[in-house]
Amino acid sequence: MKGRSLFLSVGCSGCHQPDGSGLIGPRIANTSLSFPEVLRQVRTPRQNMIPFDPSVLSDQDVLDIYAFLKSLP
């Protein structure tokens, strides 16, 4: 799954764990957030998360990661 690959390669798993269960960052597996909310968080984070510019993660990349997260238990 492309979303899983992106989640691991761009470093999301460093704070959120490979299964999205959270560590430094919050649990995001099977998130209840909508895609627009996730995209806004990725672009302009509210907490200590680093922002991801569209040149690093396109909106489609974020959508693929979102689909991966929604597939997790």
PDB file of N, CA and C in Angstrom:
ATOM      1  N   MET A   1       0.852  -1.176   0.000  1.00  0.00           N
ATOM      2  CA  MET A   1       0.000   0.000   0.000  1.00  0.00           C
ATOM      3  C   MET A   1       0.902   1.244   0.000  1.00  0.00           C
ATOM      4  N   LYS A   2       0.636   2.157  -0.908  1.00  0.00           N
ATOM      5  CA  LYS A   2       1.455   3.348  -1.044  1.00  0.00           C
ATOM      6  C   LYS A   2       1.444   4.199   0.224  1.00  0.00           C
ATOM      7  N   GLY A   3       0.291   4.312   0.865  1.00  0.00           N
ATOM      8  CA  GLY A   3       0.190   5.112   2.077  1.00  0.00           C
ATOM      9  C   GLY A   3       1.085   4.612   3.187  1.00  0.00           C
ATOM     10  N   ARG A   4       1.161   3.300   3.341  1.00  0.00           N
ATOM     11  CA  ARG A   4       2.034   2.713   4.365  1.00  0.00           C
ATOM     12  C   ARG A   4       3.487   3.028   4.056  1.00  0.00           C
ATOM     13  N   SER A   5       3.866   2.866   2.809  1.00  0.00           N
ATOM     14  CA  SER A   5       5.231   3.141   2.385  1.00  0.00           C
ATOM     15  C   SER A   5       5.597   4.602   2.656  1.00  0.00           C
ATOM     16  N   LEU A   6       4.709   5.517   2.322  1.00  0.00           N
ATOM     17  CA  LEU A   6       4.947   6.934   2.575  1.00  0.00           C
ATOM     18  C   LEU A   6       5.020   7.226   4.075  1.00  0.00           C
ATOM     19  N   PHE A   7       4.121   6.641   4.830  1.00  0.00           N
ATOM     20  CA  PHE A   7       4.076   6.826   6.281  1.00  0.00           C
ATOM     21  C   PHE A   7       5.419   6.463   6.901  1.00  0.00           C
ATOM     22  N   LEU A   8       6.004   5.384   6.422  1.00  0.00           N
ATOM     23  CA  LEU A   8       7.296   4.938   6.941  1.00  0.00           C
ATOM     24  C   LEU A   8       8.451   5.779   6.397  1.00  0.00           C
ATOM     25  N   SER A   9       8.416   6.109   5.113  1.00  0.00           N
ATOM     26  CA  SER A   9       9.567   6.763   4.487  1.00  0.00           C
ATOM     27  C   SER A   9       9.725   8.238   4.843  1.00  0.00           C
ATOM     28  N   VAL A  10       8.631   8.945   5.099  1.00  0.00           N
ATOM     29  CA  VAL A  10       8.763  10.377   5.427  1.00  0.00           C
ATOM     30  C   VAL A  10       8.917  10.617   6.919  1.00  0.00           C
ATOM     31  N   GLY A  11       8.858   9.572   7.703  1.00  0.00           N
ATOM     32  CA  GLY A  11       9.142   9.692   9.128  1.00  0.00           C
ATOM     33  C   GLY A  11       7.951   9.768  10.062  1.00  0.00           C
ATOM     34  N   CYS A  12       6.744   9.620   9.555  1.00  0.00           N
ATOM     35  CA  CYS A  12       5.559   9.675  10.417  1.00  0.00           C
ATOM     36  C   CYS A  12       5.645   8.633  11.537  1.00  0.00           C
ATOM     37  N   SER A  13       6.171   7.452  11.177  1.00  0.00           N
ATOM     38  CA  SER A  13       6.218   6.353  12.131  1.00  0.00           C
ATOM     39  C   SER A  13       7.175   6.625  13.289  1.00  0.00           C
ATOM     40  N   GLY A  14       8.099   7.562  13.113  1.00  0.00           N
ATOM     41  CA  GLY A  14       9.020   7.888  14.198  1.00  0.00           C
ATOM     42  C   GLY A  14       8.310   8.418  15.436  1.00  0.00           C
ATOM     43  N   CYS A  15       7.257   9.173  15.237  1.00  0.00           N
ATOM     44  CA  CYS A  15       6.490   9.729  16.357  1.00  0.00           C
ATOM     45  C   CYS A  15       5.183   8.981  16.612  1.00  0.00           C
ATOM     46  N   HIS A  16       4.626   8.399  15.554  1.00  0.00           N
ATOM     47  CA  HIS A  16       3.303   7.775  15.671  1.00  0.00           C
ATOM     48  C   HIS A  16       3.346   6.247  15.657  1.00  0.00           C
ATOM     49  N   GLN A  17       4.548   5.647  15.594  1.00  0.00           N
ATOM     50  CA  GLN A  17       4.749   4.198  15.515  1.00  0.00           C
ATOM     51  C   GLN A  17       4.294   3.661  14.160  1.00  0.00           C
ATOM     52  N   PRO A  18       4.897   2.591  13.673  1.00  0.00           N
ATOM     53  CA  PRO A  18       4.517   2.033  12.369  1.00  0.00           C
ATOM     54  C   PRO A  18       3.039   1.631  12.267  1.00  0.00           C
ATOM     55  N   ASP A  19       2.433   1.328  13.414  1.00  0.00           N
ATOM     56  CA  ASP A  19       1.022   0.937  13.412  1.00  0.00           C
ATOM     57  C   ASP A  19       0.088   2.083  13.790  1.00  0.00           C
ATOM     58  N   GLY A  20       0.639   3.298  13.902  1.00  0.00           N
ATOM     59  CA  GLY A  20      -0.187   4.459  14.225  1.00  0.00           C
ATOM     60  C   GLY A  20      -0.645   4.530  15.664  1.00  0.00           C
ATOM     61  N   SER A  21      -0.071   3.688  16.530  1.00  0.00           N
ATOM     62  CA  SER A  21      -0.535   3.624  17.921  1.00  0.00           C
ATOM     63  C   SER A  21      -0.039   4.771  18.795  1.00  0.00           C
ATOM     64  N   GLY A  22       0.886   5.564  18.287  1.00  0.00           N
ATOM     65  CA  GLY A  22       1.371   6.718  19.027  1.00  0.00           C
ATOM     66  C   GLY A  22       2.575   6.392  19.889  1.00  0.00           C
ATOM     67  N   LEU A  23       3.397   7.386  20.086  1.00  0.00           N
ATOM     68  CA  LEU A  23       4.567   7.299  20.954  1.00  0.00           C
ATOM     69  C   LEU A  23       4.828   8.708  21.452  1.00  0.00           C
ATOM     70  N   ILE A  24       5.564   9.465  20.691  1.00  0.00           N
ATOM     71  CA  ILE A  24       5.768  10.877  20.986  1.00  0.00           C
ATOM     72  C   ILE A  24       4.528  11.642  20.506  1.00  0.00           C
ATOM     73  N   GLY A  25       4.075  11.293  19.307  1.00  0.00           N
ATOM     74  CA  GLY A  25       2.856  11.877  18.748  1.00  0.00           C
ATOM     75  C   GLY A  25       1.642  11.055  19.159  1.00  0.00           C
ATOM     76  N   PRO A  26       0.447  11.577  18.953  1.00  0.00           N
ATOM     77  CA  PRO A  26      -0.764  10.866  19.366  1.00  0.00           C
ATOM     78  C   PRO A  26      -1.080   9.649  18.498  1.00  0.00           C
ATOM     79  N   ARG A  27      -1.960   8.829  19.016  1.00  0.00           N
ATOM     80  CA  ARG A  27      -2.478   7.685  18.259  1.00  0.00           C
ATOM     81  C   ARG A  27      -3.248   8.233  17.063  1.00  0.00           C
ATOM     82  N   ILE A  28      -2.932   7.729  15.863  1.00  0.00           N
ATOM     83  CA  ILE A  28      -3.643   8.188  14.666  1.00  0.00           C
ATOM     84  C   ILE A  28      -4.189   7.027  13.838  1.00  0.00           C
ATOM     85  N   ALA A  29      -4.005   5.797  14.335  1.00  0.00           N
ATOM     86  CA  ALA A  29      -4.583   4.640  13.648  1.00  0.00           C
ATOM     87  C   ALA A  29      -6.102   4.788  13.648  1.00  0.00           C
ATOM     88  N   ASN A  30      -6.716   4.507  12.485  1.00  0.00           N
ATOM     89  CA  ASN A  30      -8.165   4.593  12.331  1.00  0.00           C
ATOM     90  C   ASN A  30      -8.700   5.928  12.865  1.00  0.00           C
ATOM     91  N   THR A  31      -8.028   6.989  12.491  1.00  0.00           N
ATOM     92  CA  THR A  31      -8.368   8.327  12.972  1.00  0.00           C
ATOM     93  C   THR A  31      -9.827   8.690  12.714  1.00  0.00           C
ATOM     94  N   SER A  32     -10.378   9.444  13.636  1.00  0.00           N
ATOM     95  CA  SER A  32     -11.752   9.935  13.456  1.00  0.00           C
ATOM     96  C   SER A  32     -11.754  11.282  12.730  1.00  0.00           C
ATOM     97  N   LEU A  33     -10.564  11.839  12.484  1.00  0.00           N
ATOM     98  CA  LEU A  33     -10.479  13.102  11.762  1.00  0.00           C
ATOM     99  C   LEU A  33     -10.857  12.926  10.296  1.00  0.00           C
ATOM    100  N   SER A  34     -11.427  13.943   9.709  1.00  0.00           N
ATOM    101  CA  SER A  34     -11.723  13.921   8.277  1.00  0.00           C
ATOM    102  C   SER A  34     -10.432  14.173   7.499  1.00  0.00           C
ATOM    103  N   PHE A  35     -10.448  13.867   6.201  1.00  0.00           N
ATOM    104  CA  PHE A  35      -9.264  14.141   5.403  1.00  0.00           C
ATOM    105  C   PHE A  35      -8.886  15.625   5.425  1.00  0.00           C
ATOM    106  N   PRO A  36      -9.824  16.564   5.270  1.00  0.00           N
ATOM    107  CA  PRO A  36      -9.434  17.980   5.340  1.00  0.00           C
ATOM    108  C   PRO A  36      -8.770  18.351   6.676  1.00  0.00           C
ATOM    109  N   GLU A  37      -9.231  17.753   7.764  1.00  0.00           N
ATOM    110  CA  GLU A  37      -8.621  18.018   9.068  1.00  0.00           C
ATOM    111  C   GLU A  37      -7.191  17.472   9.128  1.00  0.00           C
ATOM    112  N   VAL A  38      -6.986  16.284   8.587  1.00  0.00           N
ATOM    113  CA  VAL A  38      -5.648  15.692   8.562  1.00  0.00           C
ATOM    114  C   VAL A  38      -4.730  16.520   7.667  1.00  0.00           C
ATOM    115  N   LEU A  39      -5.210  16.908   6.507  1.00  0.00           N
ATOM    116  CA  LEU A  39      -4.407  17.712   5.594  1.00  0.00           C
ATOM    117  C   LEU A  39      -4.003  19.036   6.247  1.00  0.00           C
ATOM    118  N   ARG A  40      -4.927  19.666   6.941  1.00  0.00           N
ATOM    119  CA  ARG A  40      -4.625  20.922   7.636  1.00  0.00           C
ATOM    120  C   ARG A  40      -3.561  20.688   8.719  1.00  0.00           C
ATOM    121  N   GLN A  41      -3.668  19.583   9.451  1.00  0.00           N
ATOM    122  CA  GLN A  41      -2.683  19.258  10.489  1.00  0.00           C
ATOM    123  C   GLN A  41      -1.303  19.005   9.879  1.00  0.00           C
ATOM    124  N   VAL A  42      -1.275  18.334   8.737  1.00  0.00           N
ATOM    125  CA  VAL A  42      -0.002  18.049   8.068  1.00  0.00           C
ATOM    126  C   VAL A  42       0.651  19.338   7.570  1.00  0.00           C
ATOM    127  N   ARG A  43      -0.138  20.237   7.055  1.00  0.00           N
ATOM    128  CA  ARG A  43       0.399  21.490   6.494  1.00  0.00           C
ATOM    129  C   ARG A  43       0.710  22.546   7.568  1.00  0.00           C
ATOM    130  N   THR A  44      -0.186  22.678   8.536  1.00  0.00           N
ATOM    131  CA  THR A  44      -0.007  23.681   9.597  1.00  0.00           C
ATOM    132  C   THR A  44      -0.319  23.041  10.948  1.00  0.00           C
ATOM    133  N   PRO A  45       0.621  22.272  11.480  1.00  0.00           N
ATOM    134  CA  PRO A  45       0.383  21.526  12.726  1.00  0.00           C
ATOM    135  C   PRO A  45       0.051  22.421  13.908  1.00  0.00           C
ATOM    136  N   ARG A  46      -0.789  21.907  14.795  1.00  0.00           N
ATOM    137  CA  ARG A  46      -1.182  22.638  16.004  1.00  0.00           C
ATOM    138  C   ARG A  46      -0.235  22.353  17.170  1.00  0.00           C
ATOM    139  N   GLN A  47       0.441  21.240  17.156  1.00  0.00           N
ATOM    140  CA  GLN A  47       1.314  20.875  18.275  1.00  0.00           C
ATOM    141  C   GLN A  47       2.772  20.910  17.831  1.00  0.00           C
ATOM    142  N   ASN A  48       3.563  19.969  18.290  1.00  0.00           N
ATOM    143  CA  ASN A  48       4.999  19.943  18.016  1.00  0.00           C
ATOM    144  C   ASN A  48       5.367  19.265  16.712  1.00  0.00           C
ATOM    145  N   MET A  49       4.414  18.847  15.942  1.00  0.00           N
ATOM    146  CA  MET A  49       4.684  18.178  14.672  1.00  0.00           C
ATOM    147  C   MET A  49       5.306  19.156  13.674  1.00  0.00           C
ATOM    148  N   ILE A  50       6.247  18.649  12.880  1.00  0.00           N
ATOM    149  CA  ILE A  50       6.815  19.497  11.836  1.00  0.00           C
ATOM    150  C   ILE A  50       5.838  19.590  10.672  1.00  0.00           C
ATOM    151  N   PRO A  51       5.761  20.737  10.011  1.00  0.00           N
ATOM    152  CA  PRO A  51       4.877  20.860   8.849  1.00  0.00           C
ATOM    153  C   PRO A  51       5.489  20.165   7.633  1.00  0.00           C
ATOM    154  N   PHE A  52       4.636  19.628   6.792  1.00  0.00           N
ATOM    155  CA  PHE A  52       5.064  18.992   5.544  1.00  0.00           C
ATOM    156  C   PHE A  52       4.543  19.806   4.371  1.00  0.00           C
ATOM    157  N   ASP A  53       5.452  20.432   3.673  1.00  0.00           N
ATOM    158  CA  ASP A  53       5.152  21.244   2.502  1.00  0.00           C
ATOM    159  C   ASP A  53       4.688  20.349   1.346  1.00  0.00           C
ATOM    160  N   PRO A  54       3.834  20.856   0.460  1.00  0.00           N
ATOM    161  CA  PRO A  54       3.406  20.065  -0.699  1.00  0.00           C
ATOM    162  C   PRO A  54       4.564  19.587  -1.575  1.00  0.00           C
ATOM    163  N   SER A  55       5.713  20.243  -1.496  1.00  0.00           N
ATOM    164  CA  SER A  55       6.869  19.768  -2.267  1.00  0.00           C
ATOM    165  C   SER A  55       7.460  18.489  -1.671  1.00  0.00           C
ATOM    166  N   VAL A  56       7.138  18.216  -0.408  1.00  0.00           N
ATOM    167  CA  VAL A  56       7.601  16.994   0.265  1.00  0.00           C
ATOM    168  C   VAL A  56       6.517  15.923   0.219  1.00  0.00           C
ATOM    169  N   LEU A  57       5.286  16.307   0.542  1.00  0.00           N
ATOM    170  CA  LEU A  57       4.123  15.411   0.511  1.00  0.00           C
ATOM    171  C   LEU A  57       3.010  16.113  -0.253  1.00  0.00           C
ATOM    172  N   SER A  58       2.660  15.576  -1.400  1.00  0.00           N
ATOM    173  CA  SER A  58       1.548  16.162  -2.160  1.00  0.00           C
ATOM    174  C   SER A  58       0.233  15.873  -1.439  1.00  0.00           C
ATOM    175  N   ASP A  59      -0.816  16.564  -1.838  1.00  0.00           N
ATOM    176  CA  ASP A  59      -2.140  16.280  -1.262  1.00  0.00           C
ATOM    177  C   ASP A  59      -2.512  14.824  -1.513  1.00  0.00           C
ATOM    178  N   GLN A  60      -2.163  14.294  -2.686  1.00  0.00           N
ATOM    179  CA  GLN A  60      -2.450  12.888  -2.984  1.00  0.00           C
ATOM    180  C   GLN A  60      -1.672  11.964  -2.049  1.00  0.00           C
ATOM    181  N   ASP A  61      -0.426  12.310  -1.749  1.00  0.00           N
ATOM    182  CA  ASP A  61       0.369  11.526  -0.797  1.00  0.00           C
ATOM    183  C   ASP A  61      -0.304  11.507   0.569  1.00  0.00           C
ATOM    184  N   VAL A  62      -0.773  12.667   1.012  1.00  0.00           N
ATOM    185  CA  VAL A  62      -1.455  12.743   2.307  1.00  0.00           C
ATOM    186  C   VAL A  62      -2.739  11.922   2.264  1.00  0.00           C
ATOM    187  N   LEU A  63      -3.447  11.949   1.156  1.00  0.00           N
ATOM    188  CA  LEU A  63      -4.656  11.133   1.009  1.00  0.00           C
ATOM    189  C   LEU A  63      -4.312   9.644   1.082  1.00  0.00           C
ATOM    190  N   ASP A  64      -3.215   9.239   0.469  1.00  0.00           N
ATOM    191  CA  ASP A  64      -2.784   7.837   0.534  1.00  0.00           C
ATOM    192  C   ASP A  64      -2.434   7.445   1.968  1.00  0.00           C
ATOM    193  N   ILE A  65      -1.747   8.321   2.682  1.00  0.00           N
ATOM    194  CA  ILE A  65      -1.427   8.060   4.093  1.00  0.00           C
ATOM    195  C   ILE A  65      -2.713   7.995   4.917  1.00  0.00           C
ATOM    196  N   TYR A  66      -3.634   8.899   4.646  1.00  0.00           N
ATOM    197  CA  TYR A  66      -4.924   8.907   5.339  1.00  0.00           C
ATOM    198  C   TYR A  66      -5.663   7.575   5.121  1.00  0.00           C
ATOM    199  N   ALA A  67      -5.678   7.081   3.897  1.00  0.00           N
ATOM    200  CA  ALA A  67      -6.335   5.798   3.609  1.00  0.00           C
ATOM    201  C   ALA A  67      -5.663   4.675   4.380  1.00  0.00           C
ATOM    202  N   PHE A  68      -4.335   4.700   4.460  1.00  0.00           N
ATOM    203  CA  PHE A  68      -3.615   3.708   5.248  1.00  0.00           C
ATOM    204  C   PHE A  68      -4.030   3.785   6.708  1.00  0.00           C
ATOM    205  N   LEU A  69      -4.052   4.988   7.269  1.00  0.00           N
ATOM    206  CA  LEU A  69      -4.420   5.153   8.673  1.00  0.00           C
ATOM    207  C   LEU A  69      -5.841   4.672   8.957  1.00  0.00           C
ATOM    208  N   LYS A  70      -6.763   4.967   8.032  1.00  0.00           N
ATOM    209  CA  LYS A  70      -8.156   4.538   8.208  1.00  0.00           C
ATOM    210  C   LYS A  70      -8.289   3.015   8.148  1.00  0.00           C
ATOM    211  N   SER A  71      -7.328   2.345   7.496  1.00  0.00           N
ATOM    212  CA  SER A  71      -7.399   0.887   7.382  1.00  0.00           C
ATOM    213  C   SER A  71      -6.885   0.178   8.621  1.00  0.00           C
ATOM    214  N   LEU A  72      -6.228   0.903   9.519  1.00  0.00           N
ATOM    215  CA  LEU A  72      -5.658   0.295  10.710  1.00  0.00           C
ATOM    216  C   LEU A  72      -6.726   0.090  11.785  1.00  0.00           C
ATOM    217  N   PRO A  73      -6.545  -0.967  12.591  1.00  0.00           N
ATOM    218  CA  PRO A  73      -7.515  -1.195  13.682  1.00  0.00           C
ATOM    219  C   PRO A  73      -7.398  -0.171  14.795  1.00  0.00           C
TER     220      PRO A  73
END
